[in-house]
């Protein structure tokens, strides 16, 4: 899968996704300091699923009408221990393959998904 990891996404998880063969760019490496709107535009333009811990992307996609057809995965999880954060987030992402075109929220014990407007 193709991902764009927001600046707040842990580097250890970026490394774990890359090691598992996923195509992932990290805002910290490519566009540090970019606004949320710019990050979402980058994800859409590059057809990458956005990975974030930032609730503001839901606001942009639903209330402000920004395109998010790429898909967004919002993690609402307690931060896993540093030694296992990469493996923990990788496992949650790899549980499903239908992230594209959805606004998804991963919480302890459940995943909520809502199809994005075209």
PDB file of N, CA and C in Angstrom:
ATOM      1  N   UNK A   1       0.833  -1.175   0.000  1.00  0.00           N
ATOM      2  CA  UNK A   1       0.000   0.000   0.000  1.00  0.00           C
ATOM      3  C   UNK A   1       0.884   1.247   0.000  1.00  0.00           C
ATOM      4  N   UNK A   2       0.311   2.353  -0.461  1.00  0.00           N
ATOM      5  CA  UNK A   2       1.020   3.633  -0.510  1.00  0.00           C
ATOM      6  C   UNK A   2       0.492   4.535   0.607  1.00  0.00           C
ATOM      7  N   UNK A   3       1.416   5.034   1.440  1.00  0.00           N
ATOM      8  CA  UNK A   3       1.042   5.855   2.581  1.00  0.00           C
ATOM      9  C   UNK A   3       1.816   7.168   2.598  1.00  0.00           C
ATOM     10  N   UNK A   4       1.207   8.159   3.227  1.00  0.00           N
ATOM     11  CA  UNK A   4       1.889   9.393   3.604  1.00  0.00           C
ATOM     12  C   UNK A   4       1.703   9.517   5.108  1.00  0.00           C
ATOM     13  N   UNK A   5       2.796   9.462   5.847  1.00  0.00           N
ATOM     14  CA  UNK A   5       2.744   9.560   7.301  1.00  0.00           C
ATOM     15  C   UNK A   5       2.869  11.020   7.704  1.00  0.00           C
ATOM     16  N   UNK A   6       1.903  11.496   8.480  1.00  0.00           N
ATOM     17  CA  UNK A   6       1.930  12.855   8.981  1.00  0.00           C
ATOM     18  C   UNK A   6       3.178  13.047   9.845  1.00  0.00           C
ATOM     19  N   UNK A   7       3.498  14.295  10.084  1.00  0.00           N
ATOM     20  CA  UNK A   7       4.688  14.626  10.867  1.00  0.00           C
ATOM     21  C   UNK A   7       4.630  14.036  12.269  1.00  0.00           C
ATOM     22  N   UNK A   8       3.424  13.840  12.820  1.00  0.00           N
ATOM     23  CA  UNK A   8       3.294  13.312  14.181  1.00  0.00           C
ATOM     24  C   UNK A   8       3.344  11.785  14.233  1.00  0.00           C
ATOM     25  N   UNK A   9       3.456  11.143  13.089  1.00  0.00           N
ATOM     26  CA  UNK A   9       3.503   9.681  13.049  1.00  0.00           C
ATOM     27  C   UNK A   9       4.904   9.225  13.452  1.00  0.00           C
ATOM     28  N   UNK A  10       5.005   8.229  14.339  1.00  0.00           N
ATOM     29  CA  UNK A  10       6.317   7.828  14.865  1.00  0.00           C
ATOM     30  C   UNK A  10       7.259   7.278  13.784  1.00  0.00           C
ATOM     31  N   UNK A  11       8.500   7.711  13.853  1.00  0.00           N
ATOM     32  CA  UNK A  11       9.512   7.239  12.910  1.00  0.00           C
ATOM     33  C   UNK A  11       9.703   5.734  12.945  1.00  0.00           C
ATOM     34  N   UNK A  12       9.567   5.134  14.134  1.00  0.00           N
ATOM     35  CA  UNK A  12       9.715   3.683  14.251  1.00  0.00           C
ATOM     36  C   UNK A  12       8.642   2.960  13.441  1.00  0.00           C
ATOM     37  N   UNK A  13       7.440   3.540  13.392  1.00  0.00           N
ATOM     38  CA  UNK A  13       6.355   2.937  12.618  1.00  0.00           C
ATOM     39  C   UNK A  13       6.601   3.119  11.125  1.00  0.00           C
ATOM     40  N   UNK A  14       7.157   4.255  10.734  1.00  0.00           N
ATOM     41  CA  UNK A  14       7.519   4.473   9.328  1.00  0.00           C
ATOM     42  C   UNK A  14       8.533   3.414   8.899  1.00  0.00           C
ATOM     43  N   UNK A  15       9.539   3.191   9.727  1.00  0.00           N
ATOM     44  CA  UNK A  15      10.564   2.184   9.441  1.00  0.00           C
ATOM     45  C   UNK A  15       9.949   0.787   9.336  1.00  0.00           C
ATOM     46  N   UNK A  16       9.037   0.448  10.248  1.00  0.00           N
ATOM     47  CA  UNK A  16       8.398  -0.872  10.230  1.00  0.00           C
ATOM     48  C   UNK A  16       7.579  -1.062   8.957  1.00  0.00           C
ATOM     49  N   UNK A  17       6.855  -0.027   8.533  1.00  0.00           N
ATOM     50  CA  UNK A  17       6.069  -0.121   7.301  1.00  0.00           C
ATOM     51  C   UNK A  17       6.978  -0.299   6.084  1.00  0.00           C
ATOM     52  N   UNK A  18       8.058   0.453   6.043  1.00  0.00           N
ATOM     53  CA  UNK A  18       9.014   0.313   4.932  1.00  0.00           C
ATOM     54  C   UNK A  18       9.610  -1.094   4.911  1.00  0.00           C
ATOM     55  N   UNK A  19       9.989  -1.599   6.074  1.00  0.00           N
ATOM     56  CA  UNK A  19      10.573  -2.946   6.151  1.00  0.00           C
ATOM     57  C   UNK A  19       9.591  -4.016   5.701  1.00  0.00           C
ATOM     58  N   UNK A  20       8.288  -3.748   5.881  1.00  0.00           N
ATOM     59  CA  UNK A  20       7.262  -4.708   5.465  1.00  0.00           C
ATOM     60  C   UNK A  20       6.921  -4.563   3.979  1.00  0.00           C
ATOM     61  N   UNK A  21       7.611  -3.645   3.285  1.00  0.00           N
ATOM     62  CA  UNK A  21       7.426  -3.511   1.843  1.00  0.00           C
ATOM     63  C   UNK A  21       6.427  -2.458   1.405  1.00  0.00           C
ATOM     64  N   UNK A  22       5.924  -1.652   2.336  1.00  0.00           N
ATOM     65  CA  UNK A  22       4.968  -0.613   1.972  1.00  0.00           C
ATOM     66  C   UNK A  22       5.705   0.612   1.431  1.00  0.00           C
ATOM     67  N   UNK A  23       5.071   1.297   0.503  1.00  0.00           N
ATOM     68  CA  UNK A  23       5.590   2.538  -0.084  1.00  0.00           C
ATOM     69  C   UNK A  23       5.099   3.673   0.811  1.00  0.00           C
ATOM     70  N   UNK A  24       5.992   4.240   1.610  1.00  0.00           N
ATOM     71  CA  UNK A  24       5.584   5.258   2.578  1.00  0.00           C
ATOM     72  C   UNK A  24       6.528   6.451   2.545  1.00  0.00           C
ATOM     73  N   UNK A  25       5.936   7.622   2.464  1.00  0.00           N
ATOM     74  CA  UNK A  25       6.662   8.877   2.620  1.00  0.00           C
ATOM     75  C   UNK A  25       6.294   9.454   3.975  1.00  0.00           C
ATOM     76  N   UNK A  26       7.226  10.187   4.563  1.00  0.00           N
ATOM     77  CA  UNK A  26       7.014  10.759   5.893  1.00  0.00           C
ATOM     78  C   UNK A  26       7.153  12.267   5.782  1.00  0.00           C
ATOM     79  N   UNK A  27       6.143  12.999   6.205  1.00  0.00           N
ATOM     80  CA  UNK A  27       6.142  14.458   6.114  1.00  0.00           C
ATOM     81  C   UNK A  27       7.382  15.034   6.805  1.00  0.00           C
ATOM     82  N   UNK A  28       7.833  14.436   7.880  1.00  0.00           N
ATOM     83  CA  UNK A  28       9.032  14.917   8.579  1.00  0.00           C
ATOM     84  C   UNK A  28      10.256  14.925   7.675  1.00  0.00           C
ATOM     85  N   UNK A  29      10.292  14.030   6.702  1.00  0.00           N
ATOM     86  CA  UNK A  29      11.432  13.941   5.782  1.00  0.00           C
ATOM     87  C   UNK A  29      11.233  14.766   4.512  1.00  0.00           C
ATOM     88  N   UNK A  30       9.995  14.960   4.103  1.00  0.00           N
ATOM     89  CA  UNK A  30       9.739  15.558   2.798  1.00  0.00           C
ATOM     90  C   UNK A  30       9.149  16.963   2.832  1.00  0.00           C
ATOM     91  N   UNK A  31       8.420  17.312   3.874  1.00  0.00           N
ATOM     92  CA  UNK A  31       7.740  18.613   3.921  1.00  0.00           C
ATOM     93  C   UNK A  31       7.531  19.064   5.359  1.00  0.00           C
ATOM     94  N   UNK A  32       8.556  18.992   6.155  1.00  0.00           N
ATOM     95  CA  UNK A  32       8.452  19.347   7.568  1.00  0.00           C
ATOM     96  C   UNK A  32       7.847  20.737   7.732  1.00  0.00           C
ATOM     97  N   UNK A  33       6.887  20.845   8.643  1.00  0.00           N
ATOM     98  CA  UNK A  33       6.237  22.119   8.921  1.00  0.00           C
ATOM     99  C   UNK A  33       5.070  22.449   8.007  1.00  0.00           C
ATOM    100  N   UNK A  34       4.741  21.562   7.070  1.00  0.00           N
ATOM    101  CA  UNK A  34       3.616  21.812   6.159  1.00  0.00           C
ATOM    102  C   UNK A  34       2.304  21.872   6.936  1.00  0.00           C
ATOM    103  N   UNK A  35       1.395  22.714   6.471  1.00  0.00           N
ATOM    104  CA  UNK A  35       0.075  22.819   7.110  1.00  0.00           C
ATOM    105  C   UNK A  35      -0.701  21.522   6.891  1.00  0.00           C
ATOM    106  N   UNK A  36      -1.717  21.307   7.722  1.00  0.00           N
ATOM    107  CA  UNK A  36      -2.553  20.121   7.558  1.00  0.00           C
ATOM    108  C   UNK A  36      -3.204  20.105   6.182  1.00  0.00           C
ATOM    109  N   UNK A  37      -3.675  21.261   5.713  1.00  0.00           N
ATOM    110  CA  UNK A  37      -4.304  21.328   4.398  1.00  0.00           C
ATOM    111  C   UNK A  37      -3.315  20.916   3.310  1.00  0.00           C
ATOM    112  N   UNK A  38      -2.077  21.361   3.419  1.00  0.00           N
ATOM    113  CA  UNK A  38      -1.049  20.998   2.436  1.00  0.00           C
ATOM    114  C   UNK A  38      -0.737  19.507   2.502  1.00  0.00           C
ATOM    115  N   UNK A  39      -0.657  18.949   3.695  1.00  0.00           N
ATOM    116  CA  UNK A  39      -0.390  17.516   3.846  1.00  0.00           C
ATOM    117  C   UNK A  39      -1.504  16.707   3.180  1.00  0.00           C
ATOM    118  N   UNK A  40      -2.759  17.095   3.402  1.00  0.00           N
ATOM    119  CA  UNK A  40      -3.878  16.396   2.784  1.00  0.00           C
ATOM    120  C   UNK A  40      -3.819  16.526   1.262  1.00  0.00           C
ATOM    121  N   UNK A  41      -3.479  17.701   0.765  1.00  0.00           N
ATOM    122  CA  UNK A  41      -3.330  17.889  -0.689  1.00  0.00           C
ATOM    123  C   UNK A  41      -2.253  16.974  -1.244  1.00  0.00           C
ATOM    124  N   UNK A  42      -1.137  16.832  -0.533  1.00  0.00           N
ATOM    125  CA  UNK A  42      -0.057  15.950  -0.969  1.00  0.00           C
ATOM    126  C   UNK A  42      -0.534  14.503  -1.032  1.00  0.00           C
ATOM    127  N   UNK A  43      -1.267  14.062  -0.014  1.00  0.00           N
ATOM    128  CA  UNK A  43      -1.766  12.686   0.011  1.00  0.00           C
ATOM    129  C   UNK A  43      -2.682  12.428  -1.178  1.00  0.00           C
ATOM    130  N   UNK A  44      -3.580  13.361  -1.455  1.00  0.00           N
ATOM    131  CA  UNK A  44      -4.508  13.205  -2.576  1.00  0.00           C
ATOM    132  C   UNK A  44      -3.749  13.201  -3.898  1.00  0.00           C
ATOM    133  N   UNK A  45      -2.852  14.173  -4.092  1.00  0.00           N
ATOM    134  CA  UNK A  45      -2.107  14.297  -5.350  1.00  0.00           C
ATOM    135  C   UNK A  45      -1.257  13.065  -5.638  1.00  0.00           C
ATOM    136  N   UNK A  46      -0.752  12.428  -4.582  1.00  0.00           N
ATOM    137  CA  UNK A  46       0.126  11.268  -4.749  1.00  0.00           C
ATOM    138  C   UNK A  46      -0.596   9.937  -4.544  1.00  0.00           C
ATOM    139  N   UNK A  47      -1.920  10.005  -4.349  1.00  0.00           N
ATOM    140  CA  UNK A  47      -2.730   8.793  -4.125  1.00  0.00           C
ATOM    141  C   UNK A  47      -2.153   7.942  -2.996  1.00  0.00           C
ATOM    142  N   UNK A  48      -1.936   8.594  -1.842  1.00  0.00           N
ATOM    143  CA  UNK A  48      -1.398   7.912  -0.668  1.00  0.00           C
ATOM    144  C   UNK A  48      -2.397   8.015   0.482  1.00  0.00           C
ATOM    145  N   UNK A  49      -2.568   6.949   1.216  1.00  0.00           N
ATOM    146  CA  UNK A  49      -3.416   6.946   2.397  1.00  0.00           C
ATOM    147  C   UNK A  49      -2.675   7.697   3.498  1.00  0.00           C
ATOM    148  N   UNK A  50      -3.342   8.673   4.093  1.00  0.00           N
ATOM    149  CA  UNK A  50      -2.719   9.498   5.128  1.00  0.00           C
ATOM    150  C   UNK A  50      -2.804   8.807   6.483  1.00  0.00           C
ATOM    151  N   UNK A  51      -1.682   8.703   7.168  1.00  0.00           N
ATOM    152  CA  UNK A  51      -1.599   8.129   8.510  1.00  0.00           C
ATOM    153  C   UNK A  51      -1.337   9.261   9.495  1.00  0.00           C
ATOM    154  N   UNK A  52      -2.171   9.381  10.534  1.00  0.00           N
ATOM    155  CA  UNK A  52      -2.024  10.505  11.448  1.00  0.00           C
ATOM    156  C   UNK A  52      -2.581  10.206  12.833  1.00  0.00           C
ATOM    157  N   UNK A  53      -2.152  10.996  13.786  1.00  0.00           N
ATOM    158  CA  UNK A  53      -2.722  11.022  15.126  1.00  0.00           C
ATOM    159  C   UNK A  53      -3.491  12.331  15.338  1.00  0.00           C
ATOM    160  N   UNK A  54      -3.611  13.147  14.290  1.00  0.00           N
ATOM    161  CA  UNK A  54      -4.172  14.497  14.352  1.00  0.00           C
ATOM    162  C   UNK A  54      -5.644  14.514  13.939  1.00  0.00           C
ATOM    163  N   UNK A  55      -6.540  14.828  14.878  1.00  0.00           N
ATOM    164  CA  UNK A  55      -7.986  14.869  14.610  1.00  0.00           C
ATOM    165  C   UNK A  55      -8.371  15.954  13.619  1.00  0.00           C
ATOM    166  N   UNK A  56      -7.519  16.946  13.414  1.00  0.00           N
ATOM    167  CA  UNK A  56      -7.854  18.056  12.514  1.00  0.00           C
ATOM    168  C   UNK A  56      -8.121  17.610  11.082  1.00  0.00           C
ATOM    169  N   UNK A  57      -7.604  16.463  10.679  1.00  0.00           N
ATOM    170  CA  UNK A  57      -7.842  15.999   9.314  1.00  0.00           C
ATOM    171  C   UNK A  57      -9.305  15.608   9.099  1.00  0.00           C
ATOM    172  N   UNK A  58      -9.967  15.146  10.127  1.00  0.00           N
ATOM    173  CA  UNK A  58     -11.401  14.879  10.040  1.00  0.00           C
ATOM    174  C   UNK A  58     -12.168  16.165   9.802  1.00  0.00           C
ATOM    175  N   UNK A  59     -11.773  17.208  10.486  1.00  0.00           N
ATOM    176  CA  UNK A  59     -12.386  18.526  10.303  1.00  0.00           C
ATOM    177  C   UNK A  59     -12.201  19.005   8.862  1.00  0.00           C
ATOM    178  N   UNK A  60     -10.999  18.870   8.339  1.00  0.00           N
ATOM    179  CA  UNK A  60     -10.743  19.299   6.964  1.00  0.00           C
ATOM    180  C   UNK A  60     -11.573  18.503   5.956  1.00  0.00           C
ATOM    181  N   UNK A  61     -11.639  17.200   6.158  1.00  0.00           N
ATOM    182  CA  UNK A  61     -12.325  16.341   5.195  1.00  0.00           C
ATOM    183  C   UNK A  61     -13.841  16.439   5.280  1.00  0.00           C
ATOM    184  N   UNK A  62     -14.398  16.528   6.470  1.00  0.00           N
ATOM    185  CA  UNK A  62     -15.853  16.479   6.615  1.00  0.00           C
ATOM    186  C   UNK A  62     -16.494  17.850   6.727  1.00  0.00           C
ATOM    187  N   UNK A  63     -15.956  18.704   7.549  1.00  0.00           N
ATOM    188  CA  UNK A  63     -16.599  19.997   7.774  1.00  0.00           C
ATOM    189  C   UNK A  63     -16.192  21.059   6.755  1.00  0.00           C
ATOM    190  N   UNK A  64     -14.944  21.017   6.327  1.00  0.00           N
ATOM    191  CA  UNK A  64     -14.455  22.043   5.405  1.00  0.00           C
ATOM    192  C   UNK A  64     -14.448  21.582   3.956  1.00  0.00           C
ATOM    193  N   UNK A  65     -14.790  20.320   3.719  1.00  0.00           N
ATOM    194  CA  UNK A  65     -14.974  19.823   2.358  1.00  0.00           C
ATOM    195  C   UNK A  65     -13.721  19.603   1.532  1.00  0.00           C
ATOM    196  N   UNK A  66     -12.547  19.524   2.168  1.00  0.00           N
ATOM    197  CA  UNK A  66     -11.327  19.230   1.412  1.00  0.00           C
ATOM    198  C   UNK A  66     -11.401  17.804   0.874  1.00  0.00           C
ATOM    199  N   UNK A  67     -10.882  17.606  -0.308  1.00  0.00           N
ATOM    200  CA  UNK A  67     -10.855  16.263  -0.880  1.00  0.00           C
ATOM    201  C   UNK A  67      -9.962  15.371  -0.030  1.00  0.00           C
ATOM    202  N   UNK A  68     -10.445  14.178   0.225  1.00  0.00           N
ATOM    203  CA  UNK A  68      -9.658  13.188   0.960  1.00  0.00           C
ATOM    204  C   UNK A  68      -9.914  11.813   0.368  1.00  0.00           C
ATOM    205  N   UNK A  69     -10.079  11.778  -0.964  1.00  0.00           N
ATOM    206  CA  UNK A  69     -10.403  10.529  -1.639  1.00  0.00           C
ATOM    207  C   UNK A  69      -9.305   9.479  -1.484  1.00  0.00           C
ATOM    208  N   UNK A  70      -8.126   9.907  -1.072  1.00  0.00           N
ATOM    209  CA  UNK A  70      -7.010   8.995  -0.868  1.00  0.00           C
ATOM    210  C   UNK A  70      -7.256   8.058   0.311  1.00  0.00           C
ATOM    211  N   UNK A  71      -7.970   8.557   1.302  1.00  0.00           N
ATOM    212  CA  UNK A  71      -8.196   7.821   2.540  1.00  0.00           C
ATOM    213  C   UNK A  71      -7.339   8.383   3.658  1.00  0.00           C
ATOM    214  N   UNK A  72      -7.885   8.333   4.859  1.00  0.00           N
ATOM    215  CA  UNK A  72      -7.193   8.815   6.051  1.00  0.00           C
ATOM    216  C   UNK A  72      -7.363   7.763   7.148  1.00  0.00           C
ATOM    217  N   UNK A  73      -6.276   7.443   7.821  1.00  0.00           N
ATOM    218  CA  UNK A  73      -6.344   6.585   8.997  1.00  0.00           C
ATOM    219  C   UNK A  73      -5.925   7.427  10.197  1.00  0.00           C
ATOM    220  N   UNK A  74      -6.879   7.663  11.087  1.00  0.00           N
ATOM    221  CA  UNK A  74      -6.644   8.413  12.315  1.00  0.00           C
ATOM    222  C   UNK A  74      -6.475   7.418  13.458  1.00  0.00           C
ATOM    223  N   UNK A  75      -5.342   7.476  14.110  1.00  0.00           N
ATOM    224  CA  UNK A  75      -5.070   6.593  15.243  1.00  0.00           C
ATOM    225  C   UNK A  75      -5.486   7.290  16.525  1.00  0.00           C
ATOM    226  N   UNK A  76      -6.411   6.677  17.250  1.00  0.00           N
ATOM    227  CA  UNK A  76      -6.865   7.173  18.550  1.00  0.00           C
ATOM    228  C   UNK A  76      -6.515   6.090  19.575  1.00  0.00           C
ATOM    229  N   UNK A  77      -5.245   5.802  19.667  1.00  0.00           N
ATOM    230  CA  UNK A  77      -4.740   4.747  20.539  1.00  0.00           C
ATOM    231  C   UNK A  77      -3.810   5.342  21.581  1.00  0.00           C
ATOM    232  N   UNK A  78      -3.752   4.729  22.749  1.00  0.00           N
ATOM    233  CA  UNK A  78      -2.695   5.124  23.670  1.00  0.00           C
ATOM    234  C   UNK A  78      -1.356   4.826  22.992  1.00  0.00           C
ATOM    235  N   UNK A  79      -0.385   5.664  23.189  1.00  0.00           N
ATOM    236  CA  UNK A  79       0.906   5.449  22.540  1.00  0.00           C
ATOM    237  C   UNK A  79       1.529   4.155  23.049  1.00  0.00           C
ATOM    238  N   UNK A  80       1.798   3.218  22.116  1.00  0.00           N
ATOM    239  CA  UNK A  80       2.438   1.965  22.533  1.00  0.00           C
ATOM    240  C   UNK A  80       3.854   2.242  23.059  1.00  0.00           C
ATOM    241  N   UNK A  81       4.399   1.310  23.828  1.00  0.00           N
ATOM    242  CA  UNK A  81       5.776   1.476  24.300  1.00  0.00           C
ATOM    243  C   UNK A  81       6.727   1.674  23.124  1.00  0.00           C
ATOM    244  N   UNK A  82       7.757   2.480  23.316  1.00  0.00           N
ATOM    245  CA  UNK A  82       8.686   2.827  22.242  1.00  0.00           C
ATOM    246  C   UNK A  82       9.260   1.593  21.536  1.00  0.00           C
ATOM    247  N   UNK A  83       9.556   0.550  22.292  1.00  0.00           N
ATOM    248  CA  UNK A  83      10.179  -0.626  21.686  1.00  0.00           C
ATOM    249  C   UNK A  83       9.228  -1.416  20.791  1.00  0.00           C
ATOM    250  N   UNK A  84       7.914  -1.171  20.910  1.00  0.00           N
ATOM    251  CA  UNK A  84       6.973  -1.936  20.092  1.00  0.00           C
ATOM    252  C   UNK A  84       6.061  -1.067  19.234  1.00  0.00           C
ATOM    253  N   UNK A  85       6.278   0.245  19.203  1.00  0.00           N
ATOM    254  CA  UNK A  85       5.349   1.129  18.493  1.00  0.00           C
ATOM    255  C   UNK A  85       5.291   0.813  16.998  1.00  0.00           C
ATOM    256  N   UNK A  86       6.441   0.547  16.383  1.00  0.00           N
ATOM    257  CA  UNK A  86       6.456   0.230  14.961  1.00  0.00           C
ATOM    258  C   UNK A  86       5.662  -1.026  14.650  1.00  0.00           C
ATOM    259  N   UNK A  87       5.932  -2.089  15.384  1.00  0.00           N
ATOM    260  CA  UNK A  87       5.244  -3.359  15.161  1.00  0.00           C
ATOM    261  C   UNK A  87       3.753  -3.253  15.471  1.00  0.00           C
ATOM    262  N   UNK A  88       3.406  -2.510  16.519  1.00  0.00           N
ATOM    263  CA  UNK A  88       2.002  -2.361  16.910  1.00  0.00           C
ATOM    264  C   UNK A  88       1.201  -1.643  15.827  1.00  0.00           C
ATOM    265  N   UNK A  89       1.714  -0.499  15.351  1.00  0.00           N
ATOM    266  CA  UNK A  89       0.984   0.257  14.328  1.00  0.00           C
ATOM    267  C   UNK A  89       0.969  -0.478  12.996  1.00  0.00           C
ATOM    268  N   UNK A  90       2.063  -1.134  12.632  1.00  0.00           N
ATOM    269  CA  UNK A  90       2.099  -1.943  11.410  1.00  0.00           C
ATOM    270  C   UNK A  90       1.029  -3.028  11.460  1.00  0.00           C
ATOM    271  N   UNK A  91       0.932  -3.722  12.572  1.00  0.00           N
ATOM    272  CA  UNK A  91      -0.063  -4.797  12.699  1.00  0.00           C
ATOM    273  C   UNK A  91      -1.478  -4.261  12.540  1.00  0.00           C
ATOM    274  N   UNK A  92      -1.778  -3.116  13.133  1.00  0.00           N
ATOM    275  CA  UNK A  92      -3.126  -2.541  13.009  1.00  0.00           C
ATOM    276  C   UNK A  92      -3.422  -2.147  11.566  1.00  0.00           C
ATOM    277  N   UNK A  93      -2.435  -1.579  10.875  1.00  0.00           N
ATOM    278  CA  UNK A  93      -2.639  -1.180   9.477  1.00  0.00           C
ATOM    279  C   UNK A  93      -2.844  -2.406   8.594  1.00  0.00           C
ATOM    280  N   UNK A  94      -2.080  -3.453   8.836  1.00  0.00           N
ATOM    281  CA  UNK A  94      -2.157  -4.639   7.983  1.00  0.00           C
ATOM    282  C   UNK A  94      -3.351  -5.536   8.294  1.00  0.00           C
ATOM    283  N   UNK A  95      -4.155  -5.190   9.298  1.00  0.00           N
ATOM    284  CA  UNK A  95      -5.361  -5.962   9.599  1.00  0.00           C
ATOM    285  C   UNK A  95      -6.372  -5.889   8.463  1.00  0.00           C
ATOM    286  N   UNK A  96      -6.303  -4.814   7.671  1.00  0.00           N
ATOM    287  CA  UNK A  96      -7.287  -4.584   6.611  1.00  0.00           C
ATOM    288  C   UNK A  96      -6.559  -4.142   5.351  1.00  0.00           C
ATOM    289  N   UNK A  97      -7.244  -4.247   4.238  1.00  0.00           N
ATOM    290  CA  UNK A  97      -6.691  -3.772   2.976  1.00  0.00           C
ATOM    291  C   UNK A  97      -7.598  -2.784   2.283  1.00  0.00           C
ATOM    292  N   UNK A  98      -8.640  -2.327   2.969  1.00  0.00           N
ATOM    293  CA  UNK A  98      -9.637  -1.455   2.335  1.00  0.00           C
ATOM    294  C   UNK A  98      -9.612  -0.034   2.899  1.00  0.00           C
ATOM    295  N   UNK A  99      -8.442   0.484   3.200  1.00  0.00           N
ATOM    296  CA  UNK A  99      -8.315   1.811   3.785  1.00  0.00           C
ATOM    297  C   UNK A  99      -8.598   2.925   2.782  1.00  0.00           C
ATOM    298  N   UNK A 100      -8.274   2.706   1.517  1.00  0.00           N
ATOM    299  CA  UNK A 100      -8.444   3.758   0.511  1.00  0.00           C
ATOM    300  C   UNK A 100      -9.889   4.233   0.456  1.00  0.00           C
ATOM    301  N   UNK A 101     -10.051   5.518   0.228  1.00  0.00           N
ATOM    302  CA  UNK A 101     -11.364   6.159   0.061  1.00  0.00           C
ATOM    303  C   UNK A 101     -12.230   6.125   1.320  1.00  0.00           C
ATOM    304  N   UNK A 102     -11.619   5.911   2.475  1.00  0.00           N
ATOM    305  CA  UNK A 102     -12.344   5.908   3.742  1.00  0.00           C
ATOM    306  C   UNK A 102     -11.664   6.834   4.748  1.00  0.00           C
ATOM    307  N   UNK A 103     -12.467   7.383   5.630  1.00  0.00           N
ATOM    308  CA  UNK A 103     -11.936   8.027   6.827  1.00  0.00           C
ATOM    309  C   UNK A 103     -12.074   6.974   7.904  1.00  0.00           C
ATOM    310  N   UNK A 104     -10.940   6.508   8.400  1.00  0.00           N
ATOM    311  CA  UNK A 104     -10.930   5.407   9.363  1.00  0.00           C
ATOM    312  C   UNK A 104     -10.334   5.870  10.677  1.00  0.00           C
ATOM    313  N   UNK A 105     -10.918   5.390  11.758  1.00  0.00           N
ATOM    314  CA  UNK A 105     -10.416   5.700  13.089  1.00  0.00           C
ATOM    315  C   UNK A 105     -10.094   4.375  13.765  1.00  0.00           C
ATOM    316  N   UNK A 106      -8.824   4.221  14.125  1.00  0.00           N
ATOM    317  CA  UNK A 106      -8.398   3.012  14.831  1.00  0.00           C
ATOM    318  C   UNK A 106      -8.339   3.358  16.314  1.00  0.00           C
ATOM    319  N   UNK A 107      -9.157   2.659  17.084  1.00  0.00           N
ATOM    320  CA  UNK A 107      -9.239   2.852  18.529  1.00  0.00           C
ATOM    321  C   UNK A 107      -8.957   1.514  19.206  1.00  0.00           C
ATOM    322  N   UNK A 108      -8.718   1.517  20.500  1.00  0.00           N
ATOM    323  CA  UNK A 108      -8.538   0.239  21.184  1.00  0.00           C
ATOM    324  C   UNK A 108      -9.769  -0.651  20.981  1.00  0.00           C
ATOM    325  N   UNK A 109      -9.562  -1.823  20.420  1.00  0.00           N
ATOM    326  CA  UNK A 109     -10.632  -2.791  20.283  1.00  0.00           C
ATOM    327  C   UNK A 109     -11.576  -2.604  19.106  1.00  0.00           C
ATOM    328  N   UNK A 110     -11.397  -1.548  18.290  1.00  0.00           N
ATOM    329  CA  UNK A 110     -12.306  -1.397  17.156  1.00  0.00           C
ATOM    330  C   UNK A 110     -11.731  -0.452  16.099  1.00  0.00           C
ATOM    331  N   UNK A 111     -12.289  -0.594  14.901  1.00  0.00           N
ATOM    332  CA  UNK A 111     -11.975   0.290  13.780  1.00  0.00           C
ATOM    333  C   UNK A 111     -13.303   0.816  13.249  1.00  0.00           C
ATOM    334  N   UNK A 112     -13.408   2.144  13.132  1.00  0.00           N
ATOM    335  CA  UNK A 112     -14.595   2.757  12.533  1.00  0.00           C
ATOM    336  C   UNK A 112     -14.197   3.276  11.161  1.00  0.00           C
ATOM    337  N   UNK A 113     -15.025   2.994  10.154  1.00  0.00           N
ATOM    338  CA  UNK A 113     -14.729   3.430   8.786  1.00  0.00           C
ATOM    339  C   UNK A 113     -15.955   4.113   8.195  1.00  0.00           C
ATOM    340  N   UNK A 114     -15.683   5.180   7.455  1.00  0.00           N
ATOM    341  CA  UNK A 114     -16.741   5.905   6.778  1.00  0.00           C
ATOM    342  C   UNK A 114     -16.240   6.252   5.380  1.00  0.00           C
ATOM    343  N   UNK A 115     -17.021   5.912   4.354  1.00  0.00           N
ATOM    344  CA  UNK A 115     -16.611   6.198   2.977  1.00  0.00           C
ATOM    345  C   UNK A 115     -16.510   7.701   2.767  1.00  0.00           C
ATOM    346  N   UNK A 116     -15.455   8.105   2.067  1.00  0.00           N
ATOM    347  CA  UNK A 116     -15.264   9.524   1.768  1.00  0.00           C
ATOM    348  C   UNK A 116     -16.160   9.928   0.611  1.00  0.00           C
ATOM    349  N   UNK A 117     -16.592  11.179   0.645  1.00  0.00           N
ATOM    350  CA  UNK A 117     -17.361  11.724  -0.476  1.00  0.00           C
ATOM    351  C   UNK A 117     -16.451  11.818  -1.685  1.00  0.00           C
ATOM    352  N   UNK A 118     -17.017  11.610  -2.837  1.00  0.00           N
ATOM    353  CA  UNK A 118     -16.231  11.694  -4.078  1.00  0.00           C
ATOM    354  C   UNK A 118     -15.870  13.111  -4.408  1.00  0.00           C
TER     355      UNK A 118
END
